[in-house]
PDB file of all heavy atoms in Angstrom:
ATOM      1  N   LEU A   1     -18.158  25.301   1.596  1.00  0.00           N
ATOM      2  CA  LEU A   1     -17.998  25.591   0.177  1.00  0.00           C
ATOM      3  C   LEU A   1     -18.098  24.330  -0.672  1.00  0.00           C
ATOM      4  O   LEU A   1     -17.629  23.258  -0.289  1.00  0.00           O
ATOM      5  CB  LEU A   1     -16.620  26.234  -0.031  1.00  0.00           C
ATOM      6  CG  LEU A   1     -16.182  26.592  -1.440  1.00  0.00           C
ATOM      7  CD1 LEU A   1     -16.959  27.803  -1.938  1.00  0.00           C
ATOM      8  CD2 LEU A   1     -14.684  26.873  -1.465  1.00  0.00           C
ATOM      9  N   SER A   2     -18.721  24.473  -1.836  1.00  0.00           N
ATOM     10  CA  SER A   2     -18.668  23.439  -2.854  1.00  0.00           C
ATOM     11  C   SER A   2     -18.685  24.121  -4.221  1.00  0.00           C
ATOM     12  O   SER A   2     -18.685  25.352  -4.310  1.00  0.00           O
ATOM     13  CB  SER A   2     -19.832  22.460  -2.719  1.00  0.00           C
ATOM     14  OG  SER A   2     -19.658  21.359  -3.603  1.00  0.00           O
ATOM     15  N   PHE A   3     -18.695  23.301  -5.272  1.00  0.00           N
ATOM     16  CA  PHE A   3     -18.602  23.830  -6.631  1.00  0.00           C
ATOM     17  C   PHE A   3     -19.795  23.393  -7.475  1.00  0.00           C
ATOM     18  O   PHE A   3     -20.360  22.326  -7.290  1.00  0.00           O
ATOM     19  CB  PHE A   3     -17.316  23.354  -7.310  1.00  0.00           C
ATOM     20  CG  PHE A   3     -16.064  23.773  -6.591  1.00  0.00           C
ATOM     21  CD1 PHE A   3     -15.173  22.822  -6.113  1.00  0.00           C
ATOM     22  CD2 PHE A   3     -15.777  25.112  -6.396  1.00  0.00           C
ATOM     23  CE1 PHE A   3     -14.020  23.198  -5.452  1.00  0.00           C
ATOM     24  CE2 PHE A   3     -14.633  25.506  -5.732  1.00  0.00           C
ATOM     25  CZ  PHE A   3     -13.744  24.539  -5.263  1.00  0.00           C
ATOM     26  N   ALA A   4     -20.145  24.235  -8.419  1.00  0.00           N
ATOM     27  CA  ALA A   4     -21.138  23.931  -9.435  1.00  0.00           C
ATOM     28  C   ALA A   4     -20.815  24.818 -10.621  1.00  0.00           C
ATOM     29  O   ALA A   4     -19.894  25.636 -10.568  1.00  0.00           O
ATOM     30  CB  ALA A   4     -22.559  24.186  -8.909  1.00  0.00           C
ATOM     31  N   GLY A   5     -21.549  24.680 -11.699  1.00  0.00           N
ATOM     32  CA  GLY A   5     -21.364  25.596 -12.819  1.00  0.00           C
ATOM     33  C   GLY A   5     -20.742  24.988 -14.052  1.00  0.00           C
ATOM     34  O   GLY A   5     -20.628  25.664 -15.083  1.00  0.00           O
ATOM     35  N   ALA A   6     -20.340  23.704 -14.001  1.00  0.00           N
ATOM     36  CA  ALA A   6     -19.769  23.086 -15.199  1.00  0.00           C
ATOM     37  C   ALA A   6     -20.858  22.750 -16.216  1.00  0.00           C
ATOM     38  O   ALA A   6     -20.562  22.522 -17.383  1.00  0.00           O
ATOM     39  CB  ALA A   6     -18.997  21.823 -14.826  1.00  0.00           C
ATOM     40  N   GLY A   7     -22.104  22.733 -15.743  1.00  0.00           N
ATOM     41  CA  GLY A   7     -23.215  22.417 -16.639  1.00  0.00           C
ATOM     42  C   GLY A   7     -23.504  20.932 -16.651  1.00  0.00           C
ATOM     43  O   GLY A   7     -22.743  20.110 -16.142  1.00  0.00           O
ATOM     44  N   THR A   8     -24.620  20.578 -17.243  1.00  0.00           N
ATOM     45  CA  THR A   8     -25.059  19.190 -17.265  1.00  0.00           C
ATOM     46  C   THR A   8     -24.219  18.332 -18.197  1.00  0.00           C
ATOM     47  O   THR A   8     -23.769  17.242 -17.837  1.00  0.00           O
ATOM     48  CB  THR A   8     -26.539  19.122 -17.680  1.00  0.00           C
ATOM     49  OG1 THR A   8     -27.326  19.833 -16.721  1.00  0.00           O
ATOM     50  CG2 THR A   8     -27.026  17.679 -17.768  1.00  0.00           C
ATOM     51  N   HIS A   9     -23.966  18.806 -19.407  1.00  0.00           N
ATOM     52  CA  HIS A   9     -23.246  18.010 -20.384  1.00  0.00           C
ATOM     53  C   HIS A   9     -21.736  18.018 -20.166  1.00  0.00           C
ATOM     54  O   HIS A   9     -21.020  17.199 -20.744  1.00  0.00           O
ATOM     55  CB  HIS A   9     -23.573  18.505 -21.797  1.00  0.00           C
ATOM     56  CG  HIS A   9     -24.985  18.252 -22.207  1.00  0.00           C
ATOM     57  ND1 HIS A   9     -26.025  19.072 -21.830  1.00  0.00           N
ATOM     58  CD2 HIS A   9     -25.540  17.245 -22.935  1.00  0.00           C
ATOM     59  CE1 HIS A   9     -27.156  18.591 -22.319  1.00  0.00           C
ATOM     60  NE2 HIS A   9     -26.887  17.489 -22.990  1.00  0.00           N
ATOM     61  N   GLN A  10     -21.246  18.941 -19.331  1.00  0.00           N
ATOM     62  CA  GLN A  10     -19.811  19.014 -19.047  1.00  0.00           C
ATOM     63  C   GLN A  10     -19.532  18.855 -17.554  1.00  0.00           C
ATOM     64  O   GLN A  10     -18.483  19.290 -17.075  1.00  0.00           O
ATOM     65  CB  GLN A  10     -19.259  20.361 -19.531  1.00  0.00           C
ATOM     66  CG  GLN A  10     -19.479  20.663 -21.001  1.00  0.00           C
ATOM     67  CD  GLN A  10     -18.697  19.733 -21.926  1.00  0.00           C
ATOM     68  OE1 GLN A  10     -17.667  19.189 -21.522  1.00  0.00           O
ATOM     69  NE2 GLN A  10     -19.166  19.546 -23.143  1.00  0.00           N
ATOM     70  N   ALA A  11     -20.431  18.221 -16.836  1.00  0.00           N
ATOM     71  CA  ALA A  11     -20.280  18.111 -15.382  1.00  0.00           C
ATOM     72  C   ALA A  11     -18.962  17.456 -14.998  1.00  0.00           C
ATOM     73  O   ALA A  11     -18.373  17.782 -13.965  1.00  0.00           O
ATOM     74  CB  ALA A  11     -21.453  17.322 -14.796  1.00  0.00           C
ATOM     75  N   ARG A  12     -18.466  16.553 -15.831  1.00  0.00           N
ATOM     76  CA  ARG A  12     -17.229  15.835 -15.521  1.00  0.00           C
ATOM     77  C   ARG A  12     -16.020  16.761 -15.451  1.00  0.00           C
ATOM     78  O   ARG A  12     -14.968  16.381 -14.927  1.00  0.00           O
ATOM     79  CB  ARG A  12     -16.988  14.749 -16.562  1.00  0.00           C
ATOM     80  CG  ARG A  12     -16.765  15.289 -17.970  1.00  0.00           C
ATOM     81  CD  ARG A  12     -16.841  14.165 -19.003  1.00  0.00           C
ATOM     82  NE  ARG A  12     -16.578  14.653 -20.343  1.00  0.00           N
ATOM     83  CZ  ARG A  12     -17.471  15.259 -21.107  1.00  0.00           C
ATOM     84  NH1 ARG A  12     -18.693  15.474 -20.638  1.00  0.00           N
ATOM     85  NH2 ARG A  12     -17.163  15.659 -22.317  1.00  0.00           N
ATOM     86  N   LYS A  13     -16.143  17.988 -15.968  1.00  0.00           N
ATOM     87  CA  LYS A  13     -15.021  18.926 -15.937  1.00  0.00           C
ATOM     88  C   LYS A  13     -14.957  19.735 -14.644  1.00  0.00           C
ATOM     89  O   LYS A  13     -14.070  20.568 -14.472  1.00  0.00           O
ATOM     90  CB  LYS A  13     -15.103  19.875 -17.138  1.00  0.00           C
ATOM     91  CG  LYS A  13     -14.918  19.154 -18.470  1.00  0.00           C
ATOM     92  CD  LYS A  13     -14.834  20.130 -19.644  1.00  0.00           C
ATOM     93  CE  LYS A  13     -14.554  19.376 -20.946  1.00  0.00           C
ATOM     94  NZ  LYS A  13     -14.444  20.299 -22.101  1.00  0.00           N
ATOM     95  N   LEU A  14     -15.880  19.453 -13.739  1.00  0.00           N
ATOM     96  CA  LEU A  14     -15.920  20.232 -12.497  1.00  0.00           C
ATOM     97  C   LEU A  14     -14.651  20.032 -11.672  1.00  0.00           C
ATOM     98  O   LEU A  14     -14.214  20.939 -10.966  1.00  0.00           O
ATOM     99  CB  LEU A  14     -17.157  19.846 -11.679  1.00  0.00           C
ATOM    100  CG  LEU A  14     -17.541  20.782 -10.530  1.00  0.00           C
ATOM    101  CD1 LEU A  14     -17.837  22.175 -11.053  1.00  0.00           C
ATOM    102  CD2 LEU A  14     -18.746  20.240  -9.782  1.00  0.00           C
ATOM    103  N   ARG A  15     -14.025  18.870 -11.749  1.00  0.00           N
ATOM    104  CA  ARG A  15     -12.806  18.663 -10.976  1.00  0.00           C
ATOM    105  C   ARG A  15     -11.655  19.529 -11.504  1.00  0.00           C
ATOM    106  O   ARG A  15     -10.793  19.960 -10.736  1.00  0.00           O
ATOM    107  CB  ARG A  15     -12.417  17.190 -10.929  1.00  0.00           C
ATOM    108  CG  ARG A  15     -12.082  16.544 -12.246  1.00  0.00           C
ATOM    109  CD  ARG A  15     -11.919  15.020 -12.049  1.00  0.00           C
ATOM    110  NE  ARG A  15     -11.681  14.331 -13.301  1.00  0.00           N
ATOM    111  CZ  ARG A  15     -10.476  14.054 -13.782  1.00  0.00           C
ATOM    112  NH1 ARG A  15      -9.399  14.435 -13.123  1.00  0.00           N
ATOM    113  NH2 ARG A  15     -10.342  13.401 -14.911  1.00  0.00           N
ATOM    114  N   GLN A  16     -11.642  19.777 -12.818  1.00  0.00           N
ATOM    115  CA  GLN A  16     -10.626  20.682 -13.370  1.00  0.00           C
ATOM    116  C   GLN A  16     -10.890  22.109 -12.886  1.00  0.00           C
ATOM    117  O   GLN A  16      -9.953  22.861 -12.597  1.00  0.00           O
ATOM    118  CB  GLN A  16     -10.651  20.621 -14.895  1.00  0.00           C
ATOM    119  CG  GLN A  16     -10.263  19.254 -15.440  1.00  0.00           C
ATOM    120  CD  GLN A  16     -10.567  19.113 -16.916  1.00  0.00           C
ATOM    121  OE1 GLN A  16     -11.718  19.299 -17.336  1.00  0.00           O
ATOM    122  NE2 GLN A  16      -9.572  18.780 -17.701  1.00  0.00           N
ATOM    123  N   MET A  17     -12.161  22.469 -12.778  1.00  0.00           N
ATOM    124  CA  MET A  17     -12.512  23.789 -12.264  1.00  0.00           C
ATOM    125  C   MET A  17     -12.098  23.926 -10.804  1.00  0.00           C
ATOM    126  O   MET A  17     -11.594  24.963 -10.375  1.00  0.00           O
ATOM    127  CB  MET A  17     -14.008  24.017 -12.448  1.00  0.00           C
ATOM    128  CG  MET A  17     -14.427  24.064 -13.920  1.00  0.00           C
ATOM    129  SD  MET A  17     -16.217  23.900 -14.177  1.00  0.00           S
ATOM    130  CE  MET A  17     -16.800  25.426 -13.467  1.00  0.00           C
ATOM    131  N   ALA A  18     -12.286  22.836 -10.039  1.00  0.00           N
ATOM    132  CA  ALA A  18     -11.849  22.846  -8.648  1.00  0.00           C
ATOM    133  C   ALA A  18     -10.340  23.030  -8.566  1.00  0.00           C
ATOM    134  O   ALA A  18      -9.824  23.706  -7.669  1.00  0.00           O
ATOM    135  CB  ALA A  18     -12.261  21.547  -7.968  1.00  0.00           C
ATOM    136  N   GLY A  19      -9.627  22.424  -9.502  1.00  0.00           N
ATOM    137  CA  GLY A  19      -8.183  22.599  -9.552  1.00  0.00           C
ATOM    138  C   GLY A  19      -7.785  24.048  -9.759  1.00  0.00           C
ATOM    139  O   GLY A  19      -6.769  24.511  -9.211  1.00  0.00           O
ATOM    140  N   ASN A  20      -8.579  24.780 -10.517  1.00  0.00           N
ATOM    141  CA  ASN A  20      -8.314  26.212 -10.699  1.00  0.00           C
ATOM    142  C   ASN A  20      -8.514  26.976  -9.396  1.00  0.00           C
ATOM    143  O   ASN A  20      -7.787  27.929  -9.113  1.00  0.00           O
ATOM    144  CB  ASN A  20      -9.215  26.779 -11.803  1.00  0.00           C
ATOM    145  CG  ASN A  20      -8.672  26.516 -13.188  1.00  0.00           C
ATOM    146  OD1 ASN A  20      -7.947  27.311 -13.752  1.00  0.00           O
ATOM    147  ND2 ASN A  20      -9.023  25.370 -13.727  1.00  0.00           N
ATOM    148  N   ALA A  21      -9.502  26.574  -8.605  1.00  0.00           N
ATOM    149  CA  ALA A  21      -9.704  27.221  -7.302  1.00  0.00           C
ATOM    150  C   ALA A  21      -8.496  26.982  -6.407  1.00  0.00           C
ATOM    151  O   ALA A  21      -8.047  27.887  -5.687  1.00  0.00           O
ATOM    152  CB  ALA A  21     -10.980  26.691  -6.639  1.00  0.00           C
ATOM    153  N   VAL A  22      -7.947  25.759  -6.450  1.00  0.00           N
ATOM    154  CA  VAL A  22      -6.757  25.444  -5.660  1.00  0.00           C
ATOM    155  C   VAL A  22      -5.559  26.258  -6.147  1.00  0.00           C
ATOM    156  O   VAL A  22      -4.773  26.783  -5.357  1.00  0.00           O
ATOM    157  CB  VAL A  22      -6.466  23.930  -5.715  1.00  0.00           C
ATOM    158  CG1 VAL A  22      -5.118  23.608  -5.083  1.00  0.00           C
ATOM    159  CG2 VAL A  22      -7.579  23.156  -5.010  1.00  0.00           C
ATOM    160  N   SER A  23      -5.437  26.407  -7.470  1.00  0.00           N
ATOM    161  CA  SER A  23      -4.313  27.183  -8.001  1.00  0.00           C
ATOM    162  C   SER A  23      -4.433  28.662  -7.664  1.00  0.00           C
ATOM    163  O   SER A  23      -3.459  29.402  -7.759  1.00  0.00           O
ATOM    164  CB  SER A  23      -4.208  27.000  -9.522  1.00  0.00           C
ATOM    165  OG  SER A  23      -5.287  27.638 -10.190  1.00  0.00           O
ATOM    166  N   ASN A  24      -5.624  29.081  -7.238  1.00  0.00           N
ATOM    167  CA  ASN A  24      -5.834  30.484  -6.860  1.00  0.00           C
ATOM    168  C   ASN A  24      -6.020  30.636  -5.349  1.00  0.00           C
ATOM    169  O   ASN A  24      -6.721  31.540  -4.897  1.00  0.00           O
ATOM    170  CB  ASN A  24      -7.028  31.065  -7.616  1.00  0.00           C
ATOM    171  CG  ASN A  24      -6.687  31.389  -9.056  1.00  0.00           C
ATOM    172  OD1 ASN A  24      -6.116  32.436  -9.353  1.00  0.00           O
ATOM    173  ND2 ASN A  24      -7.025  30.483  -9.966  1.00  0.00           N
ATOM    174  N   GLY A  25      -5.388  29.752  -4.587  1.00  0.00           N
ATOM    175  CA  GLY A  25      -5.289  29.969  -3.151  1.00  0.00           C
ATOM    176  C   GLY A  25      -6.090  29.070  -2.247  1.00  0.00           C
ATOM    177  O   GLY A  25      -5.893  29.083  -1.024  1.00  0.00           O
ATOM    178  N   LEU A  26      -7.036  28.284  -2.777  1.00  0.00           N
ATOM    179  CA  LEU A  26      -7.806  27.374  -1.932  1.00  0.00           C
ATOM    180  C   LEU A  26      -6.918  26.198  -1.542  1.00  0.00           C
ATOM    181  O   LEU A  26      -6.317  25.562  -2.412  1.00  0.00           O
ATOM    182  CB  LEU A  26      -9.047  26.866  -2.680  1.00  0.00           C
ATOM    183  CG  LEU A  26      -9.991  25.951  -1.886  1.00  0.00           C
ATOM    184  CD1 LEU A  26     -10.692  26.720  -0.783  1.00  0.00           C
ATOM    185  CD2 LEU A  26     -11.017  25.299  -2.824  1.00  0.00           C
ATOM    186  N   PRO A  27      -6.777  25.871  -0.260  1.00  0.00           N
ATOM    187  CA  PRO A  27      -5.966  24.716   0.134  1.00  0.00           C
ATOM    188  C   PRO A  27      -6.438  23.437  -0.554  1.00  0.00           C
ATOM    189  O   PRO A  27      -7.637  23.232  -0.749  1.00  0.00           O
ATOM    190  CB  PRO A  27      -6.166  24.634   1.650  1.00  0.00           C
ATOM    191  CG  PRO A  27      -6.508  26.038   2.053  1.00  0.00           C
ATOM    192  CD  PRO A  27      -7.323  26.589   0.919  1.00  0.00           C
ATOM    193  N   TYR A  28      -5.480  22.575  -0.894  1.00  0.00           N
ATOM    194  CA  TYR A  28      -5.793  21.360  -1.646  1.00  0.00           C
ATOM    195  C   TYR A  28      -6.855  20.522  -0.952  1.00  0.00           C
ATOM    196  O   TYR A  28      -7.828  20.088  -1.575  1.00  0.00           O
ATOM    197  CB  TYR A  28      -4.520  20.532  -1.841  1.00  0.00           C
ATOM    198  CG  TYR A  28      -4.724  19.282  -2.658  1.00  0.00           C
ATOM    199  CD1 TYR A  28      -4.578  19.292  -4.040  1.00  0.00           C
ATOM    200  CD2 TYR A  28      -5.090  18.070  -2.058  1.00  0.00           C
ATOM    201  CE1 TYR A  28      -4.767  18.154  -4.796  1.00  0.00           C
ATOM    202  CE2 TYR A  28      -5.285  16.921  -2.800  1.00  0.00           C
ATOM    203  CZ  TYR A  28      -5.121  16.965  -4.174  1.00  0.00           C
ATOM    204  OH  TYR A  28      -5.327  15.831  -4.916  1.00  0.00           O
ATOM    205  N   GLU A  29      -6.694  20.276   0.346  1.00  0.00           N
ATOM    206  CA  GLU A  29      -7.652  19.438   1.063  1.00  0.00           C
ATOM    207  C   GLU A  29      -9.028  20.087   1.112  1.00  0.00           C
ATOM    208  O   GLU A  29     -10.050  19.398   1.114  1.00  0.00           O
ATOM    209  CB  GLU A  29      -7.136  19.126   2.466  1.00  0.00           C
ATOM    210  CG  GLU A  29      -6.009  18.107   2.498  1.00  0.00           C
ATOM    211  CD  GLU A  29      -6.416  16.775   1.897  1.00  0.00           C
ATOM    212  OE1 GLU A  29      -7.490  16.257   2.252  1.00  0.00           O
ATOM    213  OE2 GLU A  29      -5.659  16.248   1.057  1.00  0.00           O
ATOM    214  N   ALA A  30      -9.069  21.427   1.164  1.00  0.00           N
ATOM    215  CA  ALA A  30     -10.354  22.127   1.141  1.00  0.00           C
ATOM    216  C   ALA A  30     -11.021  21.957  -0.219  1.00  0.00           C
ATOM    217  O   ALA A  30     -12.248  21.829  -0.321  1.00  0.00           O
ATOM    218  CB  ALA A  30     -10.165  23.604   1.461  1.00  0.00           C
ATOM    219  N   GLY A  31     -10.212  21.956  -1.279  1.00  0.00           N
ATOM    220  CA  GLY A  31     -10.755  21.732  -2.616  1.00  0.00           C
ATOM    221  C   GLY A  31     -11.317  20.339  -2.755  1.00  0.00           C
ATOM    222  O   GLY A  31     -12.388  20.135  -3.343  1.00  0.00           O
ATOM    223  N   LEU A  32     -10.610  19.344  -2.200  1.00  0.00           N
ATOM    224  CA  LEU A  32     -11.085  17.969  -2.249  1.00  0.00           C
ATOM    225  C   LEU A  32     -12.338  17.796  -1.401  1.00  0.00           C
ATOM    226  O   LEU A  32     -13.285  17.099  -1.795  1.00  0.00           O
ATOM    227  CB  LEU A  32      -9.987  17.017  -1.783  1.00  0.00           C
ATOM    228  CG  LEU A  32     -10.211  15.531  -2.010  1.00  0.00           C
ATOM    229  CD1 LEU A  32     -10.494  15.246  -3.476  1.00  0.00           C
ATOM    230  CD2 LEU A  32      -9.001  14.732  -1.546  1.00  0.00           C
ATOM    231  N   ALA A  33     -12.378  18.463  -0.248  1.00  0.00           N
ATOM    232  CA  ALA A  33     -13.579  18.417   0.594  1.00  0.00           C
ATOM    233  C   ALA A  33     -14.772  19.007  -0.137  1.00  0.00           C
ATOM    234  O   ALA A  33     -15.908  18.517  -0.010  1.00  0.00           O
ATOM    235  CB  ALA A  33     -13.331  19.163   1.902  1.00  0.00           C
ATOM    236  N   ALA A  34     -14.534  20.066  -0.905  1.00  0.00           N
ATOM    237  CA  ALA A  34     -15.615  20.725  -1.646  1.00  0.00           C
ATOM    238  C   ALA A  34     -16.214  19.821  -2.717  1.00  0.00           C
ATOM    239  O   ALA A  34     -17.335  20.058  -3.179  1.00  0.00           O
ATOM    240  CB  ALA A  34     -15.103  22.017  -2.280  1.00  0.00           C
ATOM    241  N   MET A  35     -15.473  18.774  -3.104  1.00  0.00           N
ATOM    242  CA  MET A  35     -15.961  17.834  -4.109  1.00  0.00           C
ATOM    243  C   MET A  35     -16.545  16.565  -3.488  1.00  0.00           C
ATOM    244  O   MET A  35     -17.119  15.736  -4.192  1.00  0.00           O
ATOM    245  CB  MET A  35     -14.803  17.436  -5.042  1.00  0.00           C
ATOM    246  CG  MET A  35     -14.186  18.586  -5.799  1.00  0.00           C
ATOM    247  SD  MET A  35     -15.303  19.272  -7.025  1.00  0.00           S
ATOM    248  CE  MET A  35     -15.304  17.958  -8.232  1.00  0.00           C
ATOM    249  N   THR A  36     -16.377  16.391  -2.169  1.00  0.00           N
ATOM    250  CA  THR A  36     -16.760  15.126  -1.540  1.00  0.00           C
ATOM    251  C   THR A  36     -17.654  15.328  -0.319  1.00  0.00           C
ATOM    252  O   THR A  36     -18.868  15.282  -0.409  1.00  0.00           O
ATOM    253  CB  THR A  36     -15.495  14.332  -1.154  1.00  0.00           C
ATOM    254  OG1 THR A  36     -14.636  15.160  -0.333  1.00  0.00           O
ATOM    255  CG2 THR A  36     -14.722  13.888  -2.390  1.00  0.00           C
ATOM    256  N   VAL A  37     -17.036  15.617   0.832  1.00  0.00           N
ATOM    257  CA  VAL A  37     -17.792  15.642   2.079  1.00  0.00           C
ATOM    258  C   VAL A  37     -18.603  16.922   2.249  1.00  0.00           C
ATOM    259  O   VAL A  37     -19.705  16.892   2.822  1.00  0.00           O
ATOM    260  CB  VAL A  37     -16.844  15.415   3.284  1.00  0.00           C
ATOM    261  CG1 VAL A  37     -15.883  16.574   3.465  1.00  0.00           C
ATOM    262  CG2 VAL A  37     -17.632  15.149   4.558  1.00  0.00           C
ATOM    263  N   SER A  38     -18.106  18.062   1.762  1.00  0.00           N
ATOM    264  CA  SER A  38     -18.830  19.325   1.979  1.00  0.00           C
ATOM    265  C   SER A  38     -20.217  19.344   1.339  1.00  0.00           C
ATOM    266  O   SER A  38     -21.184  19.757   1.990  1.00  0.00           O
ATOM    267  CB  SER A  38     -17.988  20.509   1.493  1.00  0.00           C
ATOM    268  OG  SER A  38     -16.851  20.673   2.318  1.00  0.00           O
ATOM    269  N   PRO A  39     -20.383  18.918   0.072  1.00  0.00           N
ATOM    270  CA  PRO A  39     -21.748  18.903  -0.478  1.00  0.00           C
ATOM    271  C   PRO A  39     -22.677  17.933   0.239  1.00  0.00           C
ATOM    272  O   PRO A  39     -23.888  18.164   0.290  1.00  0.00           O
ATOM    273  CB  PRO A  39     -21.536  18.512  -1.946  1.00  0.00           C
ATOM    274  CG  PRO A  39     -20.181  17.916  -2.006  1.00  0.00           C
ATOM    275  CD  PRO A  39     -19.385  18.584  -0.945  1.00  0.00           C
ATOM    276  N   VAL A  40     -22.115  16.862   0.808  1.00  0.00           N
ATOM    277  CA  VAL A  40     -22.927  15.944   1.621  1.00  0.00           C
ATOM    278  C   VAL A  40     -23.482  16.681   2.835  1.00  0.00           C
ATOM    279  O   VAL A  40     -24.657  16.537   3.193  1.00  0.00           O
ATOM    280  CB  VAL A  40     -22.090  14.725   2.056  1.00  0.00           C
ATOM    281  CG1 VAL A  40     -22.815  13.920   3.128  1.00  0.00           C
ATOM    282  CG2 VAL A  40     -21.785  13.838   0.856  1.00  0.00           C
ATOM    283  N   VAL A  41     -22.626  17.488   3.465  1.00  0.00           N
ATOM    284  CA  VAL A  41     -23.065  18.287   4.616  1.00  0.00           C
ATOM    285  C   VAL A  41     -24.064  19.343   4.176  1.00  0.00           C
ATOM    286  O   VAL A  41     -25.104  19.556   4.826  1.00  0.00           O
ATOM    287  CB  VAL A  41     -21.845  18.948   5.295  1.00  0.00           C
ATOM    288  CG1 VAL A  41     -22.293  19.927   6.366  1.00  0.00           C
ATOM    289  CG2 VAL A  41     -20.938  17.887   5.899  1.00  0.00           C
ATOM    290  N   ILE A  42     -23.769  20.023   3.078  1.00  0.00           N
ATOM    291  CA  ILE A  42     -24.634  21.108   2.592  1.00  0.00           C
ATOM    292  C   ILE A  42     -26.056  20.616   2.348  1.00  0.00           C
ATOM    293  O   ILE A  42     -27.034  21.280   2.704  1.00  0.00           O
ATOM    294  CB  ILE A  42     -24.038  21.723   1.310  1.00  0.00           C
ATOM    295  CG1 ILE A  42     -22.779  22.520   1.646  1.00  0.00           C
ATOM    296  CG2 ILE A  42     -25.062  22.613   0.599  1.00  0.00           C
ATOM    297  CD1 ILE A  42     -21.992  22.983   0.427  1.00  0.00           C
ATOM    298  N   PHE A  43     -26.181  19.432   1.742  1.00  0.00           N
ATOM    299  CA  PHE A  43     -27.506  18.927   1.390  1.00  0.00           C
ATOM    300  C   PHE A  43     -28.013  17.881   2.394  1.00  0.00           C
ATOM    301  O   PHE A  43     -28.989  17.183   2.113  1.00  0.00           O
ATOM    302  CB  PHE A  43     -27.494  18.362  -0.024  1.00  0.00           C
ATOM    303  CG  PHE A  43     -27.278  19.426  -1.072  1.00  0.00           C
ATOM    304  CD1 PHE A  43     -26.100  19.486  -1.792  1.00  0.00           C
ATOM    305  CD2 PHE A  43     -28.232  20.408  -1.302  1.00  0.00           C
ATOM    306  CE1 PHE A  43     -25.887  20.478  -2.737  1.00  0.00           C
ATOM    307  CE2 PHE A  43     -28.039  21.402  -2.243  1.00  0.00           C
ATOM    308  CZ  PHE A  43     -26.857  21.438  -2.968  1.00  0.00           C
ATOM    309  N   ALA A  44     -27.366  17.815   3.566  1.00  0.00           N
ATOM    310  CA  ALA A  44     -27.834  17.003   4.698  1.00  0.00           C
ATOM    311  C   ALA A  44     -28.131  15.564   4.296  1.00  0.00           C
ATOM    312  O   ALA A  44     -29.221  15.040   4.539  1.00  0.00           O
ATOM    313  CB  ALA A  44     -29.073  17.654   5.320  1.00  0.00           C
ATOM    314  N   LEU A  45     -27.127  14.902   3.709  1.00  0.00           N
ATOM    315  CA  LEU A  45     -27.318  13.533   3.229  1.00  0.00           C
ATOM    316  C   LEU A  45     -26.933  12.475   4.248  1.00  0.00           C
ATOM    317  O   LEU A  45     -27.000  11.282   3.955  1.00  0.00           O
ATOM    318  CB  LEU A  45     -26.520  13.330   1.933  1.00  0.00           C
ATOM    319  CG  LEU A  45     -26.848  14.279   0.788  1.00  0.00           C
ATOM    320  CD1 LEU A  45     -26.111  13.867  -0.473  1.00  0.00           C
ATOM    321  CD2 LEU A  45     -28.349  14.365   0.526  1.00  0.00           C
ATOM    322  N   GLY A  46     -26.489  12.889   5.424  1.00  0.00           N
ATOM    323  CA  GLY A  46     -26.174  11.931   6.476  1.00  0.00           C
ATOM    324  C   GLY A  46     -24.681  11.784   6.698  1.00  0.00           C
ATOM    325  O   GLY A  46     -23.857  12.177   5.867  1.00  0.00           O
ATOM    326  N   GLU A  47     -24.326  11.176   7.815  1.00  0.00           N
ATOM    327  CA  GLU A  47     -22.924  11.047   8.201  1.00  0.00           C
ATOM    328  C   GLU A  47     -22.236   9.845   7.570  1.00  0.00           C
ATOM    329  O   GLU A  47     -21.036   9.635   7.778  1.00  0.00           O
ATOM    330  CB  GLU A  47     -22.821  10.959   9.730  1.00  0.00           C
ATOM    331  CG  GLU A  47     -23.305  12.219  10.445  1.00  0.00           C
ATOM    332  CD  GLU A  47     -23.150  12.122  11.946  1.00  0.00           C
ATOM    333  OE1 GLU A  47     -22.757  11.035  12.431  1.00  0.00           O
ATOM    334  OE2 GLU A  47     -23.425  13.129  12.630  1.00  0.00           O
ATOM    335  N   ASP A  48     -22.965   9.041   6.805  1.00  0.00           N
ATOM    336  CA  ASP A  48     -22.367   7.841   6.225  1.00  0.00           C
ATOM    337  C   ASP A  48     -22.009   8.020   4.754  1.00  0.00           C
ATOM    338  O   ASP A  48     -21.803   7.047   4.025  1.00  0.00           O
ATOM    339  CB  ASP A  48     -23.298   6.638   6.396  1.00  0.00           C
ATOM    340  CG  ASP A  48     -24.650   6.823   5.716  1.00  0.00           C
ATOM    341  OD1 ASP A  48     -24.948   7.952   5.268  1.00  0.00           O
ATOM    342  OD2 ASP A  48     -25.415   5.836   5.643  1.00  0.00           O
TER     343      ASP A  48
END
């Protein structure tokens, strides 16, 4: 899982949106992974 949808001009608000996912049951570490390591895996950017 990862997040998108904040738009180009408001992309910086995506972390607040992720916080809403956590407040609705997503584990905190899973929310943080969705903003960091998970999109790296999704788009095959490498292990580094």
